[in-house]
Amino acid sequence: MPFERSLEIERRLNDVLRLIRTGRYSTPMLAEEIGVSIPTISRCVMALRERGHDIRAEKHGEGWRYVLRTARKPARSVKENSDAQQEAARGPLC
């Protein structure tokens, strides 16, 4: 069923992202851990990048590994915090 296939893909993407966050896995290591082929892992990484995750490959010792860069959001100003609190107090628009 299409829904079950989509759910399987989402779970795989979540698993790959979770392992990449550790900073200890290369493509072959991810493939072995997840139980899929190396090309499948490459497609997963590409899909995660398309979703906005800043995944980089870095040289580590004699091999490579994936790392997830986390972009830090700039701190909100006092006015921005106040505006956000007022907007949240109004409740949802729909």
PDB file of N, CA and C in Angstrom:
ATOM      1  N   MET A   1       0.841  -1.179   0.000  1.00  0.00           N
ATOM      2  CA  MET A   1       0.000   0.000   0.000  1.00  0.00           C
ATOM      3  C   MET A   1       0.888   1.244   0.000  1.00  0.00           C
ATOM      4  N   PRO A   2       0.451   2.277  -0.703  1.00  0.00           N
ATOM      5  CA  PRO A   2       1.256   3.504  -0.786  1.00  0.00           C
ATOM      6  C   PRO A   2       1.520   4.147   0.573  1.00  0.00           C
ATOM      7  N   PHE A   3       0.530   4.137   1.447  1.00  0.00           N
ATOM      8  CA  PHE A   3       0.706   4.749   2.765  1.00  0.00           C
ATOM      9  C   PHE A   3       1.792   4.034   3.561  1.00  0.00           C
ATOM     10  N   GLU A   4       1.766   2.714   3.541  1.00  0.00           N
ATOM     11  CA  GLU A   4       2.761   1.942   4.281  1.00  0.00           C
ATOM     12  C   GLU A   4       4.162   2.189   3.739  1.00  0.00           C
ATOM     13  N   ARG A   5       4.279   2.318   2.422  1.00  0.00           N
ATOM     14  CA  ARG A   5       5.586   2.602   1.802  1.00  0.00           C
ATOM     15  C   ARG A   5       6.077   3.980   2.234  1.00  0.00           C
ATOM     16  N   SER A   6       5.195   4.969   2.249  1.00  0.00           N
ATOM     17  CA  SER A   6       5.575   6.316   2.680  1.00  0.00           C
ATOM     18  C   SER A   6       6.013   6.315   4.139  1.00  0.00           C
ATOM     19  N   LEU A   7       5.307   5.579   4.957  1.00  0.00           N
ATOM     20  CA  LEU A   7       5.651   5.487   6.372  1.00  0.00           C
ATOM     21  C   LEU A   7       7.025   4.836   6.546  1.00  0.00           C
ATOM     22  N   GLU A   8       7.297   3.803   5.772  1.00  0.00           N
ATOM     23  CA  GLU A   8       8.594   3.125   5.825  1.00  0.00           C
ATOM     24  C   GLU A   8       9.726   4.087   5.443  1.00  0.00           C
ATOM     25  N   ILE A   9       9.506   4.879   4.420  1.00  0.00           N
ATOM     26  CA  ILE A   9      10.517   5.850   3.982  1.00  0.00           C
ATOM     27  C   ILE A   9      10.744   6.902   5.052  1.00  0.00           C
ATOM     28  N   GLU A  10       9.674   7.406   5.645  1.00  0.00           N
ATOM     29  CA  GLU A  10       9.806   8.411   6.713  1.00  0.00           C
ATOM     30  C   GLU A  10      10.579   7.849   7.907  1.00  0.00           C
ATOM     31  N   ARG A  11      10.293   6.629   8.265  1.00  0.00           N
ATOM     32  CA  ARG A  11      11.014   6.000   9.379  1.00  0.00           C
ATOM     33  C   ARG A  11      12.496   5.864   9.045  1.00  0.00           C
ATOM     34  N   ARG A  12      12.784   5.463   7.812  1.00  0.00           N
ATOM     35  CA  ARG A  12      14.175   5.318   7.400  1.00  0.00           C
ATOM     36  C   ARG A  12      14.888   6.666   7.442  1.00  0.00           C
ATOM     37  N   LEU A  13      14.232   7.717   6.941  1.00  0.00           N
ATOM     38  CA  LEU A  13      14.838   9.047   6.977  1.00  0.00           C
ATOM     39  C   LEU A  13      15.106   9.486   8.413  1.00  0.00           C
ATOM     40  N   ASN A  14      14.168   9.223   9.303  1.00  0.00           N
ATOM     41  CA  ASN A  14      14.363   9.567  10.720  1.00  0.00           C
ATOM     42  C   ASN A  14      15.526   8.789  11.324  1.00  0.00           C
ATOM     43  N   ASP A  15      15.628   7.509  10.975  1.00  0.00           N
ATOM     44  CA  ASP A  15      16.726   6.695  11.487  1.00  0.00           C
ATOM     45  C   ASP A  15      18.074   7.198  10.982  1.00  0.00           C
ATOM     46  N   VAL A  16      18.141   7.522   9.699  1.00  0.00           N
ATOM     47  CA  VAL A  16      19.384   8.034   9.115  1.00  0.00           C
ATOM     48  C   VAL A  16      19.763   9.353   9.771  1.00  0.00           C
ATOM     49  N   LEU A  17      18.805  10.252   9.931  1.00  0.00           N
ATOM     50  CA  LEU A  17      19.081  11.544  10.552  1.00  0.00           C
ATOM     51  C   LEU A  17      19.558  11.365  11.998  1.00  0.00           C
ATOM     52  N   ARG A  18      18.930  10.459  12.731  1.00  0.00           N
ATOM     53  CA  ARG A  18      19.333  10.198  14.113  1.00  0.00           C
ATOM     54  C   ARG A  18      20.787   9.732  14.177  1.00  0.00           C
ATOM     55  N   LEU A  19      21.178   8.844  13.273  1.00  0.00           N
ATOM     56  CA  LEU A  19      22.548   8.346  13.269  1.00  0.00           C
ATOM     57  C   LEU A  19      23.537   9.418  12.802  1.00  0.00           C
ATOM     58  N   ILE A  20      23.152  10.217  11.826  1.00  0.00           N
ATOM     59  CA  ILE A  20      24.031  11.289  11.360  1.00  0.00           C
ATOM     60  C   ILE A  20      24.292  12.282  12.483  1.00  0.00           C
ATOM     61  N   ARG A  21      23.291  12.544  13.294  1.00  0.00           N
ATOM     62  CA  ARG A  21      23.460  13.488  14.410  1.00  0.00           C
ATOM     63  C   ARG A  21      24.583  13.061  15.358  1.00  0.00           C
ATOM     64  N   THR A  22      24.882  11.779  15.426  1.00  0.00           N
ATOM     65  CA  THR A  22      25.960  11.320  16.304  1.00  0.00           C
ATOM     66  C   THR A  22      27.322  11.703  15.751  1.00  0.00           C
ATOM     67  N   GLY A  23      27.422  11.923  14.444  1.00  0.00           N
ATOM     68  CA  GLY A  23      28.685  12.284  13.822  1.00  0.00           C
ATOM     69  C   GLY A  23      29.675  11.146  13.699  1.00  0.00           C
ATOM     70  N   ARG A  24      29.186   9.912  13.752  1.00  0.00           N
ATOM     71  CA  ARG A  24      30.097   8.761  13.737  1.00  0.00           C
ATOM     72  C   ARG A  24      29.943   7.860  12.518  1.00  0.00           C
ATOM     73  N   TYR A  25      29.090   8.212  11.567  1.00  0.00           N
ATOM     74  CA  TYR A  25      28.764   7.274  10.504  1.00  0.00           C
ATOM     75  C   TYR A  25      29.131   7.773   9.114  1.00  0.00           C
ATOM     76  N   SER A  26      29.687   6.866   8.320  1.00  0.00           N
ATOM     77  CA  SER A  26      29.929   7.095   6.902  1.00  0.00           C
ATOM     78  C   SER A  26      28.780   6.451   6.123  1.00  0.00           C
ATOM     79  N   THR A  27      28.776   6.631   4.819  1.00  0.00           N
ATOM     80  CA  THR A  27      27.719   6.027   3.993  1.00  0.00           C
ATOM     81  C   THR A  27      27.673   4.505   4.156  1.00  0.00           C
ATOM     82  N   PRO A  28      28.803   3.803   4.014  1.00  0.00           N
ATOM     83  CA  PRO A  28      28.739   2.340   4.187  1.00  0.00           C
ATOM     84  C   PRO A  28      28.296   1.914   5.586  1.00  0.00           C
ATOM     85  N   MET A  29      28.728   2.651   6.596  1.00  0.00           N
ATOM     86  CA  MET A  29      28.335   2.308   7.962  1.00  0.00           C
ATOM     87  C   MET A  29      26.834   2.512   8.171  1.00  0.00           C
ATOM     88  N   LEU A  30      26.303   3.611   7.612  1.00  0.00           N
ATOM     89  CA  LEU A  30      24.861   3.857   7.704  1.00  0.00           C
ATOM     90  C   LEU A  30      24.087   2.744   6.996  1.00  0.00           C
ATOM     91  N   ALA A  31      24.557   2.374   5.810  1.00  0.00           N
ATOM     92  CA  ALA A  31      23.877   1.321   5.042  1.00  0.00           C
ATOM     93  C   ALA A  31      23.821   0.021   5.836  1.00  0.00           C
ATOM     94  N   GLU A  32      24.927  -0.321   6.468  1.00  0.00           N
ATOM     95  CA  GLU A  32      24.961  -1.549   7.263  1.00  0.00           C
ATOM     96  C   GLU A  32      24.039  -1.445   8.476  1.00  0.00           C
ATOM     97  N   GLU A  33      24.087  -0.320   9.163  1.00  0.00           N
ATOM     98  CA  GLU A  33      23.275  -0.134  10.375  1.00  0.00           C
ATOM     99  C   GLU A  33      21.776  -0.148  10.068  1.00  0.00           C
ATOM    100  N   ILE A  34      21.381   0.520   8.982  1.00  0.00           N
ATOM    101  CA  ILE A  34      19.962   0.628   8.623  1.00  0.00           C
ATOM    102  C   ILE A  34      19.488  -0.629   7.892  1.00  0.00           C
ATOM    103  N   GLY A  35      20.416  -1.330   7.216  1.00  0.00           N
ATOM    104  CA  GLY A  35      20.050  -2.543   6.485  1.00  0.00           C
ATOM    105  C   GLY A  35      19.577  -2.274   5.073  1.00  0.00           C
ATOM    106  N   VAL A  36      20.177  -1.255   4.437  1.00  0.00           N
ATOM    107  CA  VAL A  36      19.841  -0.916   3.058  1.00  0.00           C
ATOM    108  C   VAL A  36      21.131  -0.750   2.259  1.00  0.00           C
ATOM    109  N   SER A  37      21.004  -0.480   0.974  1.00  0.00           N
ATOM    110  CA  SER A  37      22.175  -0.324   0.116  1.00  0.00           C
ATOM    111  C   SER A  37      22.807   1.067   0.270  1.00  0.00           C
ATOM    112  N   ILE A  38      24.038   1.169  -0.193  1.00  0.00           N
ATOM    113  CA  ILE A  38      24.732   2.457  -0.176  1.00  0.00           C
ATOM    114  C   ILE A  38      23.994   3.488  -1.029  1.00  0.00           C
ATOM    115  N   PRO A  39      23.516   3.146  -2.241  1.00  0.00           N
ATOM    116  CA  PRO A  39      22.752   4.134  -3.007  1.00  0.00           C
ATOM    117  C   PRO A  39      21.488   4.614  -2.282  1.00  0.00           C
ATOM    118  N   THR A  40      20.848   3.738  -1.510  1.00  0.00           N
ATOM    119  CA  THR A  40      19.666   4.142  -0.748  1.00  0.00           C
ATOM    120  C   THR A  40      20.043   5.177   0.302  1.00  0.00           C
ATOM    121  N   ILE A  41      21.174   4.975   0.966  1.00  0.00           N
ATOM    122  CA  ILE A  41      21.631   5.954   1.959  1.00  0.00           C
ATOM    123  C   ILE A  41      21.927   7.284   1.267  1.00  0.00           C
ATOM    124  N   SER A  42      22.549   7.247   0.118  1.00  0.00           N
ATOM    125  CA  SER A  42      22.835   8.483  -0.618  1.00  0.00           C
ATOM    126  C   SER A  42      21.544   9.219  -0.964  1.00  0.00           C
ATOM    127  N   ARG A  43      20.507   8.482  -1.352  1.00  0.00           N
ATOM    128  CA  ARG A  43      19.216   9.117  -1.633  1.00  0.00           C
ATOM    129  C   ARG A  43      18.589   9.687  -0.368  1.00  0.00           C
ATOM    130  N   CYS A  44      18.740   8.982   0.746  1.00  0.00           N
ATOM    131  CA  CYS A  44      18.216   9.486   2.017  1.00  0.00           C
ATOM    132  C   CYS A  44      18.901  10.786   2.411  1.00  0.00           C
ATOM    133  N   VAL A  45      20.216  10.825   2.286  1.00  0.00           N
ATOM    134  CA  VAL A  45      20.962  12.036   2.642  1.00  0.00           C
ATOM    135  C   VAL A  45      20.536  13.184   1.735  1.00  0.00           C
ATOM    136  N   MET A  46      20.369  12.906   0.447  1.00  0.00           N
ATOM    137  CA  MET A  46      19.928  13.940  -0.485  1.00  0.00           C
ATOM    138  C   MET A  46      18.532  14.443  -0.103  1.00  0.00           C
ATOM    139  N   ALA A  47      17.631  13.536   0.265  1.00  0.00           N
ATOM    140  CA  ALA A  47      16.271  13.925   0.657  1.00  0.00           C
ATOM    141  C   ALA A  47      16.302  14.764   1.932  1.00  0.00           C
ATOM    142  N   LEU A  48      17.149  14.396   2.881  1.00  0.00           N
ATOM    143  CA  LEU A  48      17.256  15.166   4.120  1.00  0.00           C
ATOM    144  C   LEU A  48      17.824  16.554   3.856  1.00  0.00           C
ATOM    145  N   ARG A  49      18.781  16.638   2.936  1.00  0.00           N
ATOM    146  CA  ARG A  49      19.319  17.947   2.563  1.00  0.00           C
ATOM    147  C   ARG A  49      18.250  18.813   1.919  1.00  0.00           C
ATOM    148  N   GLU A  50      17.432  18.199   1.061  1.00  0.00           N
ATOM    149  CA  GLU A  50      16.346  18.939   0.409  1.00  0.00           C
ATOM    150  C   GLU A  50      15.323  19.437   1.428  1.00  0.00           C
ATOM    151  N   ARG A  51      15.219  18.769   2.548  1.00  0.00           N
ATOM    152  CA  ARG A  51      14.307  19.190   3.622  1.00  0.00           C
ATOM    153  C   ARG A  51      14.924  20.263   4.516  1.00  0.00           C
ATOM    154  N   GLY A  52      16.151  20.661   4.187  1.00  0.00           N
ATOM    155  CA  GLY A  52      16.769  21.761   4.916  1.00  0.00           C
ATOM    156  C   GLY A  52      17.819  21.379   5.933  1.00  0.00           C
ATOM    157  N   HIS A  53      18.143  20.101   6.056  1.00  0.00           N
ATOM    158  CA  HIS A  53      19.178  19.682   6.996  1.00  0.00           C
ATOM    159  C   HIS A  53      20.546  19.926   6.375  1.00  0.00           C
ATOM    160  N   ASP A  54      21.404  20.599   7.096  1.00  0.00           N
ATOM    161  CA  ASP A  54      22.739  20.921   6.612  1.00  0.00           C
ATOM    162  C   ASP A  54      23.678  19.767   6.952  1.00  0.00           C
ATOM    163  N   ILE A  55      23.675  18.759   6.097  1.00  0.00           N
ATOM    164  CA  ILE A  55      24.476  17.557   6.303  1.00  0.00           C
ATOM    165  C   ILE A  55      25.738  17.689   5.457  1.00  0.00           C
ATOM    166  N   ARG A  56      26.870  17.509   6.108  1.00  0.00           N
ATOM    167  CA  ARG A  56      28.163  17.617   5.430  1.00  0.00           C
ATOM    168  C   ARG A  56      28.944  16.329   5.623  1.00  0.00           C
ATOM    169  N   ALA A  57      29.815  16.047   4.679  1.00  0.00           N
ATOM    170  CA  ALA A  57      30.754  14.945   4.821  1.00  0.00           C
ATOM    171  C   ALA A  57      32.088  15.548   5.234  1.00  0.00           C
ATOM    172  N   GLU A  58      32.679  14.998   6.288  1.00  0.00           N
ATOM    173  CA  GLU A  58      33.951  15.499   6.793  1.00  0.00           C
ATOM    174  C   GLU A  58      34.966  14.377   6.848  1.00  0.00           C
ATOM    175  N   LYS A  59      36.211  14.733   6.572  1.00  0.00           N
ATOM    176  CA  LYS A  59      37.304  13.782   6.696  1.00  0.00           C
ATOM    177  C   LYS A  59      37.533  13.493   8.175  1.00  0.00           C
ATOM    178  N   HIS A  60      37.618  12.222   8.512  1.00  0.00           N
ATOM    179  CA  HIS A  60      37.805  11.818   9.909  1.00  0.00           C
ATOM    180  C   HIS A  60      38.793  10.657   9.921  1.00  0.00           C
ATOM    181  N   GLY A  61      39.989  10.919  10.392  1.00  0.00           N
ATOM    182  CA  GLY A  61      41.005   9.858  10.381  1.00  0.00           C
ATOM    183  C   GLY A  61      41.313   9.475   8.950  1.00  0.00           C
ATOM    184  N   GLU A  62      41.163   8.207   8.642  1.00  0.00           N
ATOM    185  CA  GLU A  62      41.441   7.723   7.289  1.00  0.00           C
ATOM    186  C   GLU A  62      40.189   7.675   6.415  1.00  0.00           C
ATOM    187  N   GLY A  63      39.046   7.986   6.982  1.00  0.00           N
ATOM    188  CA  GLY A  63      37.806   7.883   6.224  1.00  0.00           C
ATOM    189  C   GLY A  63      36.976   9.148   6.308  1.00  0.00           C
ATOM    190  N   TRP A  64      35.735   8.995   5.949  1.00  0.00           N
ATOM    191  CA  TRP A  64      34.781  10.106   5.945  1.00  0.00           C
ATOM    192  C   TRP A  64      33.627   9.771   6.862  1.00  0.00           C
ATOM    193  N   ARG A  65      32.946  10.795   7.308  1.00  0.00           N
ATOM    194  CA  ARG A  65      31.740  10.618   8.110  1.00  0.00           C
ATOM    195  C   ARG A  65      30.803  11.783   7.834  1.00  0.00           C
ATOM    196  N   TYR A  66      29.529  11.578   8.095  1.00  0.00           N
ATOM    197  CA  TYR A  66      28.544  12.650   7.961  1.00  0.00           C
ATOM    198  C   TYR A  66      28.426  13.392   9.288  1.00  0.00           C
ATOM    199  N   VAL A  67      28.238  14.690   9.185  1.00  0.00           N
ATOM    200  CA  VAL A  67      27.944  15.506  10.354  1.00  0.00           C
ATOM    201  C   VAL A  67      26.783  16.424  10.013  1.00  0.00           C
ATOM    202  N   LEU A  68      26.014  16.742  11.014  1.00  0.00           N
ATOM    203  CA  LEU A  68      24.865  17.627  10.842  1.00  0.00           C
ATOM    204  C   LEU A  68      25.224  18.979  11.438  1.00  0.00           C
ATOM    205  N   ARG A  69      25.204  19.978  10.605  1.00  0.00           N
ATOM    206  CA  ARG A  69      25.474  21.336  11.073  1.00  0.00           C
ATOM    207  C   ARG A  69      24.158  21.913  11.556  1.00  0.00           C
ATOM    208  N   THR A  70      24.171  22.497  12.714  1.00  0.00           N
ATOM    209  CA  THR A  70      22.960  23.135  13.225  1.00  0.00           C
ATOM    210  C   THR A  70      23.147  24.637  13.151  1.00  0.00           C
ATOM    211  N   ALA A  71      22.277  25.261  12.418  1.00  0.00           N
ATOM    212  CA  ALA A  71      22.325  26.714  12.291  1.00  0.00           C
ATOM    213  C   ALA A  71      21.685  27.314  13.527  1.00  0.00           C
ATOM    214  N   ARG A  72      22.360  28.237  14.105  1.00  0.00           N
ATOM    215  CA  ARG A  72      21.798  28.906  15.283  1.00  0.00           C
ATOM    216  C   ARG A  72      20.963  30.083  14.838  1.00  0.00           C
ATOM    217  N   LYS A  73      19.788  30.167  15.411  1.00  0.00           N
ATOM    218  CA  LYS A  73      18.916  31.298  15.106  1.00  0.00           C
ATOM    219  C   LYS A  73      19.398  32.502  15.902  1.00  0.00           C
ATOM    220  N   PRO A  74      19.372  33.664  15.276  1.00  0.00           N
ATOM    221  CA  PRO A  74      19.754  34.843  16.047  1.00  0.00           C
ATOM    222  C   PRO A  74      18.765  35.069  17.181  1.00  0.00           C
ATOM    223  N   ALA A  75      19.268  35.586  18.280  1.00  0.00           N
ATOM    224  CA  ALA A  75      18.407  35.849  19.440  1.00  0.00           C
ATOM    225  C   ALA A  75      17.366  36.894  19.088  1.00  0.00           C
ATOM    226  N   ARG A  76      16.169  36.707  19.609  1.00  0.00           N
ATOM    227  CA  ARG A  76      15.098  37.676  19.365  1.00  0.00           C
ATOM    228  C   ARG A  76      15.315  38.918  20.216  1.00  0.00           C
ATOM    229  N   SER A  77      14.904  40.012  19.647  1.00  0.00           N
ATOM    230  CA  SER A  77      14.946  41.248  20.425  1.00  0.00           C
ATOM    231  C   SER A  77      13.772  41.245  21.403  1.00  0.00           C
ATOM    232  N   VAL A  78      13.788  42.150  22.347  1.00  0.00           N
ATOM    233  CA  VAL A  78      12.698  42.261  23.322  1.00  0.00           C
ATOM    234  C   VAL A  78      11.382  42.521  22.608  1.00  0.00           C
ATOM    235  N   LYS A  79      11.377  43.382  21.591  1.00  0.00           N
ATOM    236  CA  LYS A  79      10.161  43.689  20.840  1.00  0.00           C
ATOM    237  C   LYS A  79       9.652  42.450  20.107  1.00  0.00           C
ATOM    238  N   GLU A  80      10.557  41.686  19.485  1.00  0.00           N
ATOM    239  CA  GLU A  80      10.143  40.474  18.772  1.00  0.00           C
ATOM    240  C   GLU A  80       9.528  39.467  19.742  1.00  0.00           C
ATOM    241  N   ASN A  81      10.108  39.315  20.924  1.00  0.00           N
ATOM    242  CA  ASN A  81       9.536  38.413  21.933  1.00  0.00           C
ATOM    243  C   ASN A  81       8.148  38.868  22.345  1.00  0.00           C
ATOM    244  N   SER A  82       7.986  40.165  22.540  1.00  0.00           N
ATOM    245  CA  SER A  82       6.692  40.715  22.929  1.00  0.00           C
ATOM    246  C   SER A  82       5.657  40.481  21.833  1.00  0.00           C
ATOM    247  N   ASP A  83       6.035  40.739  20.568  1.00  0.00           N
ATOM    248  CA  ASP A  83       5.132  40.524  19.435  1.00  0.00           C
ATOM    249  C   ASP A  83       4.725  39.054  19.336  1.00  0.00           C
ATOM    250  N   ALA A  84       5.691  38.147  19.523  1.00  0.00           N
ATOM    251  CA  ALA A  84       5.405  36.713  19.434  1.00  0.00           C
ATOM    252  C   ALA A  84       4.460  36.280  20.544  1.00  0.00           C
ATOM    253  N   GLN A  85       4.641  36.815  21.746  1.00  0.00           N
ATOM    254  CA  GLN A  85       3.760  36.461  22.858  1.00  0.00           C
ATOM    255  C   GLN A  85       2.346  36.967  22.612  1.00  0.00           C
ATOM    256  N   GLN A  86       2.205  38.162  22.070  1.00  0.00           N
ATOM    257  CA  GLN A  86       0.881  38.702  21.778  1.00  0.00           C
ATOM    258  C   GLN A  86       0.191  37.876  20.700  1.00  0.00           C
ATOM    259  N   GLU A  87       0.942  37.482  19.691  1.00  0.00           N
ATOM    260  CA  GLU A  87       0.375  36.679  18.613  1.00  0.00           C
ATOM    261  C   GLU A  87      -0.079  35.317  19.136  1.00  0.00           C
ATOM    262  N   ALA A  88       0.716  34.704  20.016  1.00  0.00           N
ATOM    263  CA  ALA A  88       0.361  33.406  20.576  1.00  0.00           C
ATOM    264  C   ALA A  88      -0.874  33.510  21.454  1.00  0.00           C
ATOM    265  N   ALA A  89      -1.030  34.634  22.148  1.00  0.00           N
ATOM    266  CA  ALA A  89      -2.178  34.834  23.039  1.00  0.00           C
ATOM    267  C   ALA A  89      -3.482  34.945  22.252  1.00  0.00           C
ATOM    268  N   ARG A  90      -3.395  35.417  21.004  1.00  0.00           N
ATOM    269  CA  ARG A  90      -4.589  35.550  20.179  1.00  0.00           C
ATOM    270  C   ARG A  90      -5.146  34.207  19.752  1.00  0.00           C
ATOM    271  N   GLY A  91      -4.317  33.204  19.751  1.00  0.00           N
ATOM    272  CA  GLY A  91      -4.762  31.859  19.380  1.00  0.00           C
ATOM    273  C   GLY A  91      -4.656  31.625  17.881  1.00  0.00           C
ATOM    274  N   PRO A  92      -5.031  30.428  17.443  1.00  0.00           N
ATOM    275  CA  PRO A  92      -4.913  30.078  16.031  1.00  0.00           C
ATOM    276  C   PRO A  92      -5.886  30.879  15.160  1.00  0.00           C
ATOM    277  N   LEU A  93      -5.466  31.030  13.910  1.00  0.00           N
ATOM    278  CA  LEU A  93      -6.277  31.808  12.968  1.00  0.00           C
ATOM    279  C   LEU A  93      -7.383  30.992  12.316  1.00  0.00           C
ATOM    280  N   CYS A  94      -7.286  29.679  12.355  1.00  0.00           N
ATOM    281  CA  CYS A  94      -8.304  28.876  11.672  1.00  0.00           C
ATOM    282  C   CYS A  94      -9.228  28.182  12.620  1.00  0.00           C
TER     283      CYS A  94
END
